[in-house]
Amino acid sequence: MADWNDKSIKLGDYKFFLILLSHMLITFVDGRGVDQFMKKRELPMHEGTVKIIESEDGDVIDCVDIRKQPAFNHPLLKNHTVQVNNGEKKTRLFIYWTSDGYQSTGCYNLDCPGFVQTNKNIALGGSIEPVSKYGGEQRDISIVIHKARSNSYSHSHFNNNDGNWWLQVQDQLVGYWPSSIFTHLAGTSDAISWGGEIVNNQPNGHHTSTQMGSGHFPNEAYGKASFFTKLGYFDEGNNVKDPENLEPFVTRPPCYDLRTGKDNKFGVFFYFGGPGYSANCQ
């Protein structure tokens, strides 16, 4: 099972950005808390400032929402999107929710109201380390999404009747999506999808070179291709069942593909992925 780097932060989320800034300040000033440096007098507050810190040597630091920093007051940056490091290749845990099929609701992680996090040990958007190595040791994580009802999944922490959709990772409850934010999902789900996806904006006029999974095709199988194992769902009696009417769906087989199977070790499983742009993927 994968080990978690639960101290990772998500760049671009100002909440975690401020925490990092505070920790840097605390380290710099002999471990005393930031609040000890707040003066009783009013300090001038610049636009977008959420907190002002003044150190003992007189330095004044504005803590600004990363999306509202002064640079964006420039008229040519009105619709600018904050860029993060597009060269990073760490594997990260993230979530996304929508209540109307991606039309006008939903977001990643905690970037908007919706998901309620209850676990302080797992950082949504944080990196997962270590990960599988091509041709080497393979690692996996267990992820369960379950609607809490009476007589819930007996091997987890789901033991109430709140009707919320709970996320469990590696036997730890991370938090939940309240049933009240959904329409059809306020009751039950009638379909589940597993798989991988990439964004293809046709850079330089050809398919993106973004890899899916390990970047290798599923025919290379265990130890080389990425995989999902032990696929299952909960029926009305909260019994775990193998997927029924499983329908493989691939949009660009020359670029990315999948291969399904079932055995006693992995249950219902599939390998998936591919390299993206290549001689066969234009």
C-alpha atoms as a PDB file:
ATOM      1  CA  MET A   1       0.000   0.000   0.000  1.00  0.00           C
ATOM      2  CA  ALA A   2       1.169   3.511  -0.709  1.00  0.00           C
ATOM      3  CA  ASP A   3       2.553   5.713   1.995  1.00  0.00           C
ATOM      4  CA  TRP A   4       1.122   9.191   2.269  1.00  0.00           C
ATOM      5  CA  ASN A   5       3.007  12.456   2.350  1.00  0.00           C
ATOM      6  CA  ASP A   6       0.371  14.177   4.418  1.00  0.00           C
ATOM      7  CA  LYS A   7       2.464  17.310   4.839  1.00  0.00           C
ATOM      8  CA  SER A   8       2.212  18.268   1.181  1.00  0.00           C
ATOM      9  CA  ILE A   9       0.360  21.402   0.205  1.00  0.00           C
ATOM     10  CA  LYS A  10      -1.455  22.390  -2.926  1.00  0.00           C
ATOM     11  CA  LEU A  11       0.176  25.334  -4.653  1.00  0.00           C
ATOM     12  CA  GLY A  12      -2.398  27.842  -5.766  1.00  0.00           C
ATOM     13  CA  ASP A  13      -4.721  27.424  -2.799  1.00  0.00           C
ATOM     14  CA  TYR A  14      -4.322  30.591  -0.742  1.00  0.00           C
ATOM     15  CA  LYS A  15      -5.372  28.901   2.477  1.00  0.00           C
ATOM     16  CA  PHE A  16      -2.384  26.574   2.317  1.00  0.00           C
ATOM     17  CA  PHE A  17      -0.236  29.418   0.951  1.00  0.00           C
ATOM     18  CA  LEU A  18      -0.876  31.479   4.089  1.00  0.00           C
ATOM     19  CA  ILE A  19      -0.129  28.545   6.338  1.00  0.00           C
ATOM     20  CA  LEU A  20       3.214  28.069   4.615  1.00  0.00           C
ATOM     21  CA  LEU A  21       3.989  31.762   4.966  1.00  0.00           C
ATOM     22  CA  SER A  22       3.122  31.662   8.661  1.00  0.00           C
ATOM     23  CA  HIS A  23       5.372  28.671   9.250  1.00  0.00           C
ATOM     24  CA  MET A  24       8.250  30.414   7.517  1.00  0.00           C
ATOM     25  CA  LEU A  25       7.791  33.434   9.765  1.00  0.00           C
ATOM     26  CA  ILE A  26       7.552  31.329  12.911  1.00  0.00           C
ATOM     27  CA  THR A  27      10.809  29.585  12.047  1.00  0.00           C
ATOM     28  CA  PHE A  28      12.542  32.876  11.300  1.00  0.00           C
ATOM     29  CA  VAL A  29      11.615  34.453  14.635  1.00  0.00           C
ATOM     30  CA  ASP A  30      12.684  31.721  17.035  1.00  0.00           C
ATOM     31  CA  GLY A  31       9.459  29.734  16.995  1.00  0.00           C
ATOM     32  CA  ARG A  32       7.103  32.344  18.455  1.00  0.00           C
ATOM     33  CA  GLY A  33       3.622  32.579  16.949  1.00  0.00           C
ATOM     34  CA  VAL A  34       2.654  35.102  14.306  1.00  0.00           C
ATOM     35  CA  ASP A  35       0.013  36.627  16.560  1.00  0.00           C
ATOM     36  CA  GLN A  36       2.743  37.868  18.894  1.00  0.00           C
ATOM     37  CA  PHE A  37       3.878  40.243  16.165  1.00  0.00           C
ATOM     38  CA  MET A  38       0.481  41.802  15.523  1.00  0.00           C
ATOM     39  CA  LYS A  39       0.559  45.378  16.798  1.00  0.00           C
ATOM     40  CA  LYS A  40      -2.386  46.884  18.561  1.00  0.00           C
ATOM     41  CA  ARG A  41      -2.372  49.851  16.189  1.00  0.00           C
ATOM     42  CA  GLU A  42      -4.180  49.766  12.850  1.00  0.00           C
ATOM     43  CA  LEU A  43      -1.928  49.018   9.875  1.00  0.00           C
ATOM     44  CA  PRO A  44      -2.785  50.232   6.364  1.00  0.00           C
ATOM     45  CA  MET A  45      -4.530  47.452   4.457  1.00  0.00           C
ATOM     46  CA  HIS A  46      -3.919  47.124   0.743  1.00  0.00           C
ATOM     47  CA  GLU A  47      -6.482  45.743  -1.676  1.00  0.00           C
ATOM     48  CA  GLY A  48      -6.872  41.969  -1.432  1.00  0.00           C
ATOM     49  CA  THR A  49      -5.160  41.751   1.969  1.00  0.00           C
ATOM     50  CA  VAL A  50      -6.674  39.195   4.356  1.00  0.00           C
ATOM     51  CA  LYS A  51      -4.173  39.682   7.184  1.00  0.00           C
ATOM     52  CA  ILE A  52      -1.275  42.018   8.053  1.00  0.00           C
ATOM     53  CA  ILE A  53       1.782  40.881   9.981  1.00  0.00           C
ATOM     54  CA  GLU A  54       4.455  43.178  11.449  1.00  0.00           C
ATOM     55  CA  SER A  55       7.693  41.651  12.729  1.00  0.00           C
ATOM     56  CA  GLU A  56       9.763  42.937  15.628  1.00  0.00           C
ATOM     57  CA  ASP A  57      12.213  44.636  13.277  1.00  0.00           C
ATOM     58  CA  GLY A  58       9.406  46.670  11.733  1.00  0.00           C
ATOM     59  CA  ASP A  59       8.816  44.764   8.495  1.00  0.00           C
ATOM     60  CA  VAL A  60       5.148  44.828   7.434  1.00  0.00           C
ATOM     61  CA  ILE A  61       3.918  41.854   5.411  1.00  0.00           C
ATOM     62  CA  ASP A  62       0.560  41.680   3.658  1.00  0.00           C
ATOM     63  CA  CYS A  63      -1.002  38.209   3.401  1.00  0.00           C
ATOM     64  CA  VAL A  64      -2.922  38.371   0.131  1.00  0.00           C
ATOM     65  CA  ASP A  65      -5.303  35.941  -1.536  1.00  0.00           C
ATOM     66  CA  ILE A  66      -3.113  34.558  -4.326  1.00  0.00           C
ATOM     67  CA  ARG A  67      -5.925  35.226  -6.818  1.00  0.00           C
ATOM     68  CA  LYS A  68      -6.280  38.881  -5.740  1.00  0.00           C
ATOM     69  CA  GLN A  69      -2.669  40.012  -5.617  1.00  0.00           C
ATOM     70  CA  PRO A  70      -1.922  43.527  -6.985  1.00  0.00           C
ATOM     71  CA  ALA A  71      -0.555  42.241 -10.314  1.00  0.00           C
ATOM     72  CA  PHE A  72      -4.098  41.411 -11.392  1.00  0.00           C
ATOM     73  CA  ASN A  73      -5.142  45.073 -11.192  1.00  0.00           C
ATOM     74  CA  HIS A  74      -3.424  45.534 -14.562  1.00  0.00           C
ATOM     75  CA  PRO A  75      -6.154  45.831 -17.262  1.00  0.00           C
ATOM     76  CA  LEU A  76      -4.420  43.281 -19.486  1.00  0.00           C
ATOM     77  CA  LEU A  77      -4.496  40.692 -16.680  1.00  0.00           C
ATOM     78  CA  LYS A  78      -8.242  40.925 -16.043  1.00  0.00           C
ATOM     79  CA  ASN A  79      -8.881  37.306 -17.063  1.00  0.00           C
ATOM     80  CA  HIS A  80      -5.462  35.924 -16.213  1.00  0.00           C
ATOM     81  CA  THR A  81      -5.256  32.487 -14.596  1.00  0.00           C
ATOM     82  CA  VAL A  82      -2.587  31.854 -11.962  1.00  0.00           C
ATOM     83  CA  GLN A  83       0.037  29.504 -13.358  1.00  0.00           C
ATOM     84  CA  VAL A  84       1.600  26.737 -11.286  1.00  0.00           C
ATOM     85  CA  ASN A  85       4.682  24.666 -11.991  1.00  0.00           C
ATOM     86  CA  ASN A  86       3.234  22.882 -15.547  1.00  0.00           C
ATOM     87  CA  GLY A  87       6.672  20.824 -15.316  1.00  0.00           C
ATOM     88  CA  GLU A  88       5.785  19.016 -11.977  1.00  0.00           C
ATOM     89  CA  LYS A  89       5.142  15.301 -12.323  1.00  0.00           C
ATOM     90  CA  LYS A  90       4.142  14.261  -8.821  1.00  0.00           C
ATOM     91  CA  THR A  91       1.166  11.957  -8.330  1.00  0.00           C
ATOM     92  CA  ARG A  92      -1.513  13.759  -6.334  1.00  0.00           C
ATOM     93  CA  LEU A  93      -4.813  12.869  -4.692  1.00  0.00           C
ATOM     94  CA  PHE A  94      -7.602  15.187  -5.795  1.00  0.00           C
ATOM     95  CA  ILE A  95     -11.383  15.217  -5.905  1.00  0.00           C
ATOM     96  CA  TYR A  96     -13.937  16.957  -8.108  1.00  0.00           C
ATOM     97  CA  TRP A  97     -17.677  17.278  -7.697  1.00  0.00           C
ATOM     98  CA  THR A  98     -20.563  18.635  -9.767  1.00  0.00           C
ATOM     99  CA  SER A  99     -24.306  18.486  -9.211  1.00  0.00           C
ATOM    100  CA  ASP A 100     -25.418  19.344 -12.758  1.00  0.00           C
ATOM    101  CA  GLY A 101     -23.094  17.479 -15.093  1.00  0.00           C
ATOM    102  CA  TYR A 102     -20.293  20.100 -15.147  1.00  0.00           C
ATOM    103  CA  GLN A 103     -22.628  22.865 -16.329  1.00  0.00           C
ATOM    104  CA  SER A 104     -22.355  25.488 -13.590  1.00  0.00           C
ATOM    105  CA  THR A 105     -21.477  23.765 -10.301  1.00  0.00           C
ATOM    106  CA  GLY A 106     -18.503  21.981  -8.853  1.00  0.00           C
ATOM    107  CA  CYS A 107     -14.762  22.385  -8.366  1.00  0.00           C
ATOM    108  CA  TYR A 108     -11.559  20.623  -7.385  1.00  0.00           C
ATOM    109  CA  ASN A 109     -10.698  19.778  -3.791  1.00  0.00           C
ATOM    110  CA  LEU A 110     -11.761  22.585  -1.415  1.00  0.00           C
ATOM    111  CA  ASP A 111     -11.683  25.428  -3.954  1.00  0.00           C
ATOM    112  CA  CYS A 112     -15.407  26.084  -3.501  1.00  0.00           C
ATOM    113  CA  PRO A 113     -18.145  25.142  -1.004  1.00  0.00           C
ATOM    114  CA  GLY A 114     -19.317  21.553  -1.241  1.00  0.00           C
ATOM    115  CA  PHE A 115     -16.968  18.919   0.149  1.00  0.00           C
ATOM    116  CA  VAL A 116     -16.662  18.863   3.952  1.00  0.00           C
ATOM    117  CA  GLN A 117     -13.247  17.621   5.096  1.00  0.00           C
ATOM    118  CA  THR A 118     -13.123  15.909   8.491  1.00  0.00           C
ATOM    119  CA  ASN A 119      -9.606  14.444   8.420  1.00  0.00           C
ATOM    120  CA  LYS A 120      -6.528  16.566   9.169  1.00  0.00           C
ATOM    121  CA  ASN A 121      -4.017  13.913   8.140  1.00  0.00           C
ATOM    122  CA  ILE A 122      -4.734  13.730   4.402  1.00  0.00           C
ATOM    123  CA  ALA A 123      -4.243  16.838   2.249  1.00  0.00           C
ATOM    124  CA  LEU A 124      -6.477  16.980  -0.808  1.00  0.00           C
ATOM    125  CA  GLY A 125      -4.189  18.004  -3.640  1.00  0.00           C
ATOM    126  CA  GLY A 126      -1.214  16.615  -1.712  1.00  0.00           C
ATOM    127  CA  SER A 127       1.354  14.294  -3.258  1.00  0.00           C
ATOM    128  CA  ILE A 128       1.366  10.516  -2.862  1.00  0.00           C
ATOM    129  CA  GLU A 129       4.730   8.954  -2.142  1.00  0.00           C
ATOM    130  CA  PRO A 130       6.191   6.499  -2.943  1.00  0.00           C
ATOM    131  CA  VAL A 131       4.527   5.324  -6.163  1.00  0.00           C
ATOM    132  CA  SER A 132       4.885   2.324  -8.441  1.00  0.00           C
ATOM    133  CA  LYS A 133       8.064   1.957 -10.483  1.00  0.00           C
ATOM    134  CA  TYR A 134       8.044   0.770 -14.080  1.00  0.00           C
ATOM    135  CA  GLY A 135       9.304  -2.792 -14.013  1.00  0.00           C
ATOM    136  CA  GLY A 136       9.760  -2.567 -10.228  1.00  0.00           C
ATOM    137  CA  GLU A 137       7.724  -2.543  -7.020  1.00  0.00           C
ATOM    138  CA  GLN A 138       4.012  -1.864  -7.536  1.00  0.00           C
ATOM    139  CA  ARG A 139       1.953   0.145  -5.045  1.00  0.00           C
ATOM    140  CA  ASP A 140      -1.755   0.853  -4.781  1.00  0.00           C
ATOM    141  CA  ILE A 141      -4.242   2.749  -2.640  1.00  0.00           C
ATOM    142  CA  SER A 142      -7.760   1.855  -1.580  1.00  0.00           C
ATOM    143  CA  ILE A 143     -10.497   4.394  -2.336  1.00  0.00           C
ATOM    144  CA  VAL A 144     -14.174   3.986  -1.399  1.00  0.00           C
ATOM    145  CA  ILE A 145     -17.071   6.397  -1.941  1.00  0.00           C
ATOM    146  CA  HIS A 146     -20.119   5.307   0.007  1.00  0.00           C
ATOM    147  CA  LYS A 147     -23.492   6.755   0.861  1.00  0.00           C
ATOM    148  CA  ALA A 148     -23.983   6.506   4.631  1.00  0.00           C
ATOM    149  CA  ARG A 149     -27.132   4.602   5.597  1.00  0.00           C
ATOM    150  CA  SER A 150     -28.173   2.354   8.428  1.00  0.00           C
ATOM    151  CA  ASN A 151     -26.361  -1.004   8.352  1.00  0.00           C
ATOM    152  CA  SER A 152     -23.585   0.602   6.314  1.00  0.00           C
ATOM    153  CA  TYR A 153     -20.388  -0.984   5.065  1.00  0.00           C
ATOM    154  CA  SER A 154     -19.292  -2.991   8.104  1.00  0.00           C
ATOM    155  CA  HIS A 155     -15.562  -2.901   7.321  1.00  0.00           C
ATOM    156  CA  SER A 156     -15.301   0.888   7.337  1.00  0.00           C
ATOM    157  CA  HIS A 157     -16.179   3.772   9.599  1.00  0.00           C
ATOM    158  CA  PHE A 158     -19.572   4.349   7.980  1.00  0.00           C
ATOM    159  CA  ASN A 159     -21.965   3.836  10.839  1.00  0.00           C
ATOM    160  CA  ASN A 160     -24.605   6.544  10.638  1.00  0.00           C
ATOM    161  CA  ASN A 161     -27.708   7.358   8.651  1.00  0.00           C
ATOM    162  CA  ASP A 162     -26.900  10.892   7.510  1.00  0.00           C
ATOM    163  CA  GLY A 163     -27.333  10.155   3.787  1.00  0.00           C
ATOM    164  CA  ASN A 164     -24.095  11.943   2.850  1.00  0.00           C
ATOM    165  CA  TRP A 165     -21.557  10.628   0.344  1.00  0.00           C
ATOM    166  CA  TRP A 166     -18.375   9.793   2.281  1.00  0.00           C
ATOM    167  CA  LEU A 167     -14.862   9.507   0.860  1.00  0.00           C
ATOM    168  CA  GLN A 168     -12.577   6.906   2.420  1.00  0.00           C
ATOM    169  CA  VAL A 169      -8.889   6.584   1.484  1.00  0.00           C
ATOM    170  CA  GLN A 170      -6.646   3.874   2.909  1.00  0.00           C
ATOM    171  CA  ASP A 171      -9.208   3.043   5.624  1.00  0.00           C
ATOM    172  CA  GLN A 172      -9.426   6.697   6.712  1.00  0.00           C
ATOM    173  CA  LEU A 173     -12.517   8.847   6.301  1.00  0.00           C
ATOM    174  CA  VAL A 174     -11.442  12.049   4.558  1.00  0.00           C
ATOM    175  CA  GLY A 175     -14.816  13.839   4.541  1.00  0.00           C
ATOM    176  CA  TYR A 176     -18.128  13.916   2.733  1.00  0.00           C
ATOM    177  CA  TRP A 177     -20.290  15.566   0.104  1.00  0.00           C
ATOM    178  CA  PRO A 178     -23.593  16.546   1.772  1.00  0.00           C
ATOM    179  CA  SER A 179     -26.535  14.906   0.033  1.00  0.00           C
ATOM    180  CA  SER A 180     -28.298  18.281   0.035  1.00  0.00           C
ATOM    181  CA  ILE A 181     -26.012  19.676  -2.702  1.00  0.00           C
ATOM    182  CA  PHE A 182     -27.137  17.043  -5.218  1.00  0.00           C
ATOM    183  CA  THR A 183     -30.296  16.306  -7.148  1.00  0.00           C
ATOM    184  CA  HIS A 184     -30.281  12.719  -8.463  1.00  0.00           C
ATOM    185  CA  LEU A 185     -27.358  11.724  -6.228  1.00  0.00           C
ATOM    186  CA  ALA A 186     -29.307  12.856  -3.183  1.00  0.00           C
ATOM    187  CA  GLY A 187     -30.803   9.361  -3.334  1.00  0.00           C
ATOM    188  CA  THR A 188     -28.704   6.724  -5.092  1.00  0.00           C
ATOM    189  CA  SER A 189     -26.330   6.374  -8.010  1.00  0.00           C
ATOM    190  CA  ASP A 190     -27.238   4.428 -11.137  1.00  0.00           C
ATOM    191  CA  ALA A 191     -23.804   4.439 -12.803  1.00  0.00           C
ATOM    192  CA  ILE A 192     -20.129   4.425 -11.822  1.00  0.00           C
ATOM    193  CA  SER A 193     -17.119   5.246 -13.969  1.00  0.00           C
ATOM    194  CA  TRP A 194     -13.476   4.303 -13.406  1.00  0.00           C
ATOM    195  CA  GLY A 195     -10.578   5.291 -15.606  1.00  0.00           C
ATOM    196  CA  GLY A 196      -8.161   8.001 -16.659  1.00  0.00           C
ATOM    197  CA  GLU A 197      -8.490  11.226 -18.593  1.00  0.00           C
ATOM    198  CA  ILE A 198      -6.248  13.947 -20.008  1.00  0.00           C
ATOM    199  CA  VAL A 199      -6.793  17.374 -21.571  1.00  0.00           C
ATOM    200  CA  ASN A 200      -5.924  17.580 -25.268  1.00  0.00           C
ATOM    201  CA  ASN A 201      -5.754  21.140 -26.609  1.00  0.00           C
ATOM    202  CA  GLN A 202      -3.861  20.056 -29.742  1.00  0.00           C
ATOM    203  CA  PRO A 203      -0.608  21.905 -28.932  1.00  0.00           C
ATOM    204  CA  ASN A 204       1.392  22.762 -32.068  1.00  0.00           C
ATOM    205  CA  GLY A 205      -1.393  21.290 -34.144  1.00  0.00           C
ATOM    206  CA  HIS A 206      -1.064  17.690 -32.942  1.00  0.00           C
ATOM    207  CA  HIS A 207      -2.239  15.492 -30.085  1.00  0.00           C
ATOM    208  CA  THR A 208      -0.833  16.335 -26.656  1.00  0.00           C
ATOM    209  CA  SER A 209       2.199  14.415 -25.422  1.00  0.00           C
ATOM    210  CA  THR A 210       0.604  14.171 -21.961  1.00  0.00           C
ATOM    211  CA  GLN A 211       0.884  10.595 -20.728  1.00  0.00           C
ATOM    212  CA  MET A 212      -1.936   8.678 -19.092  1.00  0.00           C
ATOM    213  CA  GLY A 213      -1.106   6.349 -16.239  1.00  0.00           C
ATOM    214  CA  SER A 214       2.505   5.163 -16.507  1.00  0.00           C
ATOM    215  CA  GLY A 215       2.652   6.271 -20.120  1.00  0.00           C
ATOM    216  CA  HIS A 216       2.625   2.645 -21.273  1.00  0.00           C
ATOM    217  CA  PHE A 217      -0.148   0.701 -22.984  1.00  0.00           C
ATOM    218  CA  PRO A 218      -2.243  -1.857 -21.054  1.00  0.00           C
ATOM    219  CA  ASN A 219      -0.905  -4.813 -23.024  1.00  0.00           C
ATOM    220  CA  GLU A 220       2.324  -4.485 -20.983  1.00  0.00           C
ATOM    221  CA  ALA A 221       0.197  -5.531 -17.978  1.00  0.00           C
ATOM    222  CA  TYR A 222       1.255  -5.793 -14.324  1.00  0.00           C
ATOM    223  CA  GLY A 223       4.445  -4.048 -13.321  1.00  0.00           C
ATOM    224  CA  LYS A 224       4.430  -1.704 -16.301  1.00  0.00           C
ATOM    225  CA  ALA A 225       0.907  -0.447 -17.043  1.00  0.00           C
ATOM    226  CA  SER A 226      -1.299   1.446 -14.566  1.00  0.00           C
ATOM    227  CA  PHE A 227      -4.268  -0.451 -13.178  1.00  0.00           C
ATOM    228  CA  PHE A 228      -7.511  -0.481 -11.194  1.00  0.00           C
ATOM    229  CA  THR A 229      -8.266  -3.646  -9.216  1.00  0.00           C
ATOM    230  CA  LYS A 230     -11.143  -5.045  -7.173  1.00  0.00           C
ATOM    231  CA  LEU A 231     -13.793  -2.860  -8.801  1.00  0.00           C
ATOM    232  CA  GLY A 232     -17.075  -3.069  -6.939  1.00  0.00           C
ATOM    233  CA  TYR A 233     -20.223  -1.312  -5.792  1.00  0.00           C
ATOM    234  CA  PHE A 234     -22.649  -1.468  -2.870  1.00  0.00           C
ATOM    235  CA  ASP A 235     -26.142  -2.778  -3.578  1.00  0.00           C
ATOM    236  CA  GLU A 236     -29.282  -1.743  -1.685  1.00  0.00           C
ATOM    237  CA  GLY A 237     -28.391  -4.158   1.112  1.00  0.00           C
ATOM    238  CA  ASN A 238     -24.869  -2.682   1.417  1.00  0.00           C
ATOM    239  CA  ASN A 239     -23.303  -5.813  -0.021  1.00  0.00           C
ATOM    240  CA  VAL A 240     -20.197  -5.402  -2.201  1.00  0.00           C
ATOM    241  CA  LYS A 241     -20.884  -6.674  -5.729  1.00  0.00           C
ATOM    242  CA  ASP A 242     -18.801  -6.997  -8.881  1.00  0.00           C
ATOM    243  CA  PRO A 243     -19.717  -4.456 -11.556  1.00  0.00           C
ATOM    244  CA  GLU A 244     -22.520  -5.542 -13.859  1.00  0.00           C
ATOM    245  CA  ASN A 245     -22.720  -4.652 -17.545  1.00  0.00           C
ATOM    246  CA  LEU A 246     -19.205  -3.220 -17.502  1.00  0.00           C
ATOM    247  CA  GLU A 247     -18.692  -1.311 -20.747  1.00  0.00           C
ATOM    248  CA  PRO A 248     -15.121  -0.439 -21.785  1.00  0.00           C
ATOM    249  CA  PHE A 249     -14.961   2.967 -23.461  1.00  0.00           C
ATOM    250  CA  VAL A 250     -11.875   4.419 -25.166  1.00  0.00           C
ATOM    251  CA  THR A 251     -11.867   7.663 -27.173  1.00  0.00           C
ATOM    252  CA  ARG A 252      -8.407   7.404 -28.836  1.00  0.00           C
ATOM    253  CA  PRO A 253      -7.032   3.824 -28.822  1.00  0.00           C
ATOM    254  CA  PRO A 254      -3.830   4.775 -30.723  1.00  0.00           C
ATOM    255  CA  CYS A 255      -3.041   7.225 -27.913  1.00  0.00           C
ATOM    256  CA  TYR A 256      -4.440   5.496 -24.822  1.00  0.00           C
ATOM    257  CA  ASP A 257      -6.144   2.141 -24.383  1.00  0.00           C
ATOM    258  CA  LEU A 258      -7.435  -0.294 -21.744  1.00  0.00           C
ATOM    259  CA  ARG A 259      -7.746  -4.017 -21.131  1.00  0.00           C
ATOM    260  CA  THR A 260     -10.178  -5.592 -18.679  1.00  0.00           C
ATOM    261  CA  GLY A 261     -10.062  -8.883 -16.839  1.00  0.00           C
ATOM    262  CA  LYS A 262     -11.066 -10.821 -13.726  1.00  0.00           C
ATOM    263  CA  ASP A 263      -9.212 -13.260 -11.482  1.00  0.00           C
ATOM    264  CA  ASN A 264      -9.080 -14.429  -7.874  1.00  0.00           C
ATOM    265  CA  LYS A 265      -6.270 -12.050  -6.875  1.00  0.00           C
ATOM    266  CA  PHE A 266      -7.436  -8.759  -8.398  1.00  0.00           C
ATOM    267  CA  GLY A 267     -11.170  -9.385  -8.806  1.00  0.00           C
ATOM    268  CA  VAL A 268     -12.564  -7.303 -11.662  1.00  0.00           C
ATOM    269  CA  PHE A 269      -9.668  -5.176 -12.935  1.00  0.00           C
ATOM    270  CA  PHE A 270      -8.325  -3.244 -15.892  1.00  0.00           C
ATOM    271  CA  TYR A 271      -5.008  -1.920 -17.140  1.00  0.00           C
ATOM    272  CA  PHE A 272      -5.042   1.441 -18.859  1.00  0.00           C
ATOM    273  CA  GLY A 273      -2.917   4.283 -20.228  1.00  0.00           C
ATOM    274  CA  GLY A 274      -0.608   5.267 -23.029  1.00  0.00           C
ATOM    275  CA  PRO A 275       2.035   7.766 -24.184  1.00  0.00           C
ATOM    276  CA  GLY A 276      -0.107  10.321 -25.973  1.00  0.00           C
ATOM    277  CA  TYR A 277       1.494  11.929 -29.039  1.00  0.00           C
ATOM    278  CA  SER A 278       3.488   9.414 -31.099  1.00  0.00           C
ATOM    279  CA  ALA A 279       3.840   8.105 -34.631  1.00  0.00           C
ATOM    280  CA  ASN A 280       0.483   6.360 -34.202  1.00  0.00           C
ATOM    281  CA  CYS A 281      -1.188   9.121 -32.203  1.00  0.00           C
ATOM    282  CA  GLN A 282      -1.370  12.289 -34.230  1.00  0.00           C
END
